[in-house]
Amino acid sequence: MICVARIIWNRVGWGKVNNKYRINDIYRILEILKSNLLDINDNVLILWNEATLPVVETKLNKVLENIHDVTAVGFDTWICGSTY
């Protein structure tokens, strides 16, 4: 699963990310994941910028099916592999 190696003060350390993609269409995420041979049935963790919100573990395909609801919860949203 793709996740950032280091997050500083709730910001992504982009210099540490090897594979970066600019996504203008949220539905392109699935295409990118498949092209990197990632399994959308893997478990992921959802984290938001608000510390009082719980971390949620679910399947990546469920996140993608409900991406608008997931991103509406907090301004910054991180989706990381559960083994990260």
C-alpha atoms as a PDB file:
ATOM      1  CA  MET A   1       0.000   0.000   0.000  1.00  0.00           C
ATOM      2  CA  ILE A   2       1.200   3.529  -0.629  1.00  0.00           C
ATOM      3  CA  CYS A   3       1.748   5.787   2.316  1.00  0.00           C
ATOM      4  CA  VAL A   4       4.158   8.521   3.226  1.00  0.00           C
ATOM      5  CA  ALA A   5       7.256   7.559   5.158  1.00  0.00           C
ATOM      6  CA  ARG A   6       7.198  10.655   7.317  1.00  0.00           C
ATOM      7  CA  ILE A   7       4.562  13.156   8.292  1.00  0.00           C
ATOM      8  CA  ILE A   8       5.711  16.348  10.005  1.00  0.00           C
ATOM      9  CA  TRP A   9       3.226  18.528  11.894  1.00  0.00           C
ATOM     10  CA  ASN A  10       0.320  16.989   9.986  1.00  0.00           C
ATOM     11  CA  ARG A  11       1.924  17.699   6.643  1.00  0.00           C
ATOM     12  CA  VAL A  12       3.268  15.175   4.170  1.00  0.00           C
ATOM     13  CA  GLY A  13       7.040  15.088   3.704  1.00  0.00           C
ATOM     14  CA  TRP A  14       6.792  15.045  -0.103  1.00  0.00           C
ATOM     15  CA  GLY A  15      10.558  14.875  -0.510  1.00  0.00           C
ATOM     16  CA  LYS A  16      10.419  11.358   0.945  1.00  0.00           C
ATOM     17  CA  VAL A  17       7.746  10.125  -1.480  1.00  0.00           C
ATOM     18  CA  ASN A  18       9.125   8.264  -4.505  1.00  0.00           C
ATOM     19  CA  ASN A  19       5.930   7.846  -6.527  1.00  0.00           C
ATOM     20  CA  LYS A  20       3.772  10.940  -6.792  1.00  0.00           C
ATOM     21  CA  TYR A  21       0.622  11.395  -8.843  1.00  0.00           C
ATOM     22  CA  ARG A  22      -1.405  14.508  -9.473  1.00  0.00           C
ATOM     23  CA  ILE A  23      -5.032  13.455  -9.515  1.00  0.00           C
ATOM     24  CA  ASN A  24      -7.537  15.892 -10.971  1.00  0.00           C
ATOM     25  CA  ASP A  25     -10.283  13.296 -11.245  1.00  0.00           C
ATOM     26  CA  ILE A  26     -10.926  11.334  -8.056  1.00  0.00           C
ATOM     27  CA  TYR A  27     -12.042   8.339 -10.102  1.00  0.00           C
ATOM     28  CA  ARG A  28      -8.528   8.033 -11.553  1.00  0.00           C
ATOM     29  CA  ILE A  29      -7.314   6.721  -8.176  1.00  0.00           C
ATOM     30  CA  LEU A  30      -8.480   3.196  -9.000  1.00  0.00           C
ATOM     31  CA  GLU A  31      -6.573   3.247 -12.300  1.00  0.00           C
ATOM     32  CA  ILE A  32      -3.371   4.350 -10.547  1.00  0.00           C
ATOM     33  CA  LEU A  33      -3.710   1.738  -7.816  1.00  0.00           C
ATOM     34  CA  LYS A  34      -4.220  -1.062 -10.321  1.00  0.00           C
ATOM     35  CA  SER A  35      -1.295   0.119 -12.455  1.00  0.00           C
ATOM     36  CA  ASN A  36       0.912  -0.204  -9.359  1.00  0.00           C
ATOM     37  CA  LEU A  37      -0.407  -3.738  -8.733  1.00  0.00           C
ATOM     38  CA  LEU A  38      -2.099  -2.796  -5.467  1.00  0.00           C
ATOM     39  CA  ASP A  39      -4.963  -4.917  -4.204  1.00  0.00           C
ATOM     40  CA  ILE A  40      -8.063  -2.837  -3.544  1.00  0.00           C
ATOM     41  CA  ASN A  41      -9.305  -5.556  -1.186  1.00  0.00           C
ATOM     42  CA  ASP A  42      -6.454  -4.846   1.267  1.00  0.00           C
ATOM     43  CA  ASN A  43      -7.187  -3.273   4.632  1.00  0.00           C
ATOM     44  CA  VAL A  44      -6.303   0.391   5.041  1.00  0.00           C
ATOM     45  CA  LEU A  45      -6.352   2.917   7.858  1.00  0.00           C
ATOM     46  CA  ILE A  46      -8.130   6.242   7.453  1.00  0.00           C
ATOM     47  CA  LEU A  47      -6.751   9.145   9.476  1.00  0.00           C
ATOM     48  CA  TRP A  48      -7.987  12.725   9.589  1.00  0.00           C
ATOM     49  CA  ASN A  49      -6.407  15.980  10.724  1.00  0.00           C
ATOM     50  CA  GLU A  50      -8.738  16.211  13.735  1.00  0.00           C
ATOM     51  CA  ALA A  51      -7.150  14.350  16.678  1.00  0.00           C
ATOM     52  CA  THR A  52     -10.506  13.600  18.306  1.00  0.00           C
ATOM     53  CA  LEU A  53     -11.639  11.517  15.323  1.00  0.00           C
ATOM     54  CA  PRO A  54     -11.004   7.777  15.504  1.00  0.00           C
ATOM     55  CA  VAL A  55      -8.713   5.945  13.108  1.00  0.00           C
ATOM     56  CA  VAL A  56     -10.862   3.685  10.934  1.00  0.00           C
ATOM     57  CA  GLU A  57      -9.716   0.359   9.475  1.00  0.00           C
ATOM     58  CA  THR A  58     -11.606  -0.855   6.411  1.00  0.00           C
ATOM     59  CA  LYS A  59     -11.096  -2.283   2.938  1.00  0.00           C
ATOM     60  CA  LEU A  60      -9.636   0.052   0.315  1.00  0.00           C
ATOM     61  CA  ASN A  61     -12.457  -0.711  -2.098  1.00  0.00           C
ATOM     62  CA  LYS A  62     -14.975   0.518   0.522  1.00  0.00           C
ATOM     63  CA  VAL A  63     -13.017   3.755   0.898  1.00  0.00           C
ATOM     64  CA  LEU A  64     -13.060   4.266  -2.865  1.00  0.00           C
ATOM     65  CA  GLU A  65     -16.793   3.542  -3.058  1.00  0.00           C
ATOM     66  CA  ASN A  66     -17.404   6.201  -0.383  1.00  0.00           C
ATOM     67  CA  ILE A  67     -14.545   8.600  -1.093  1.00  0.00           C
ATOM     68  CA  HIS A  68     -16.701  11.728  -0.941  1.00  0.00           C
ATOM     69  CA  ASP A  69     -17.957  10.815   2.537  1.00  0.00           C
ATOM     70  CA  VAL A  70     -14.435   9.884   3.689  1.00  0.00           C
ATOM     71  CA  THR A  71     -12.906  13.171   2.550  1.00  0.00           C
ATOM     72  CA  ALA A  72     -15.830  15.206   3.928  1.00  0.00           C
ATOM     73  CA  VAL A  73     -14.939  14.204   7.498  1.00  0.00           C
ATOM     74  CA  GLY A  74     -11.769  16.277   7.735  1.00  0.00           C
ATOM     75  CA  PHE A  75      -9.756  18.814   5.772  1.00  0.00           C
ATOM     76  CA  ASP A  76      -6.698  16.550   5.535  1.00  0.00           C
ATOM     77  CA  THR A  77      -7.344  12.850   4.994  1.00  0.00           C
ATOM     78  CA  TRP A  78      -4.692  10.129   4.909  1.00  0.00           C
ATOM     79  CA  ILE A  79      -5.266   6.594   3.687  1.00  0.00           C
ATOM     80  CA  CYS A  80      -2.467   4.218   4.655  1.00  0.00           C
ATOM     81  CA  GLY A  81      -1.926   0.492   4.405  1.00  0.00           C
ATOM     82  CA  SER A  82      -2.832  -1.172   7.689  1.00  0.00           C
ATOM     83  CA  THR A  83       0.646  -2.668   7.971  1.00  0.00           C
ATOM     84  CA  TYR A  84       2.308   0.761   7.752  1.00  0.00           C
END
